[in-house]
């Protein structure tokens, strides 16, 4: 018996401007992120330490932005808050063109970091409102694929600009990024603002969110999953090049492989998994992460250079399957496990776990790597085991985790 069309692919024709806004946003991000440090070192007289301290300070100061925005989303809807985040990031990147002192970078980077945190808090609310019943996983899978392809395209544009090596080229990168957020703001004007009706579900506010132990377990799972995601950019490149002594292109090959696999395979894989129990697929994603980490550790025991490169690339493939399997489902479970009237707060808390992981991962992963390869990869295997355990627990206590992928019960609020 064939699956109905809604379970096979999401219908994006009605919401093309929202999809376009997400793609344009991701291209802008892909343009700037790879050269953020280089930009400030080229256009200011600040040192590497000063720039790093400024960006870290801004990130820490932005931590409360997501939770604060969650209440606004529940009151006014996701659309105006999402648009405000677009404008904040456009203003922040425009400000980079005039930033030459540490405090100026902190201010502009705070606008960008806070806007990013707010964006992702609103993103899940908006997708949940737009997706028809049974399509939520596919929507998150499709948008995740498009975002990764956008990052890749932005990275290529960034590499082209950096090849010129001039201040003007770096300024052009910032201008493109700022304009991408302005364009996203304009496109979002056509997106409907689905506001929940105030009712019994809204009673309790943040107190109710923080007392929801079942959801807190899901947030803990999100923290484990996010730590693994940050390993790609923080631990794997340094390990491959500096510890294993592999050619520099290996790090780029790992990133490219990951981006292309997620970009082209995520939506397809989610479709192929229709009918599978969500919690089991999540646990399988963590198993793929763990298998990848084992391969990375094994590469430290390989003496032949070519073979070591092959083992690292196999590890990257396994690791990426973990991201492909888990990415859409973590977003889906977070959205569906929240009551409609408090979804903004619930998803803001879930996004806070990602933000905290991003703040802690550079220090934690680099510290573990300085201790040795075994310390890093065995710790990450432990994180994956904990993530799989939490996914299994969610499958026992959360109805959304017990459902099957593509089940029409999964999104009662879709329009």
Foldseek 3Di string as FASTA:
>chain_A
DDDDPLLQAFDCPLPVLLLVLLLLLLLLCLQQVVCVLVLLVAPEVDDSVLLVVLLLLLLVVLLCLQLVVLVVCLVPFLLVQLLQLLLLLLVLLVQVVVDHDSVSPNVSSNSNNNSVLNNQLSVLLLLLAATAFLCQLLSLLQSQLSSLVSSVNSNVLNVVLCVVVHSVSSNVSSNSSSVSSVSSSVSSVSRDGDHDDDDPQPPPAVNVLVVPVLLVLLLLLLLLVLLLVVCLVAPLLCCVCVVLVADNCLNVVLSVVLSNCSNPPLSVVLSVQFFAQQLVLLLQLLVLLLVLLVLSLVLSVDDDRVVSSVSNSVSSVSNSSSCSSNRSSSSLLQQQQGPSSSSSNSSSSSSSSSSVSVSCNNVVQVVQVVVHSCSNSVVSNVSSVSSSVSSVVSCVPPPLSVDGRSHSVSRPNYD
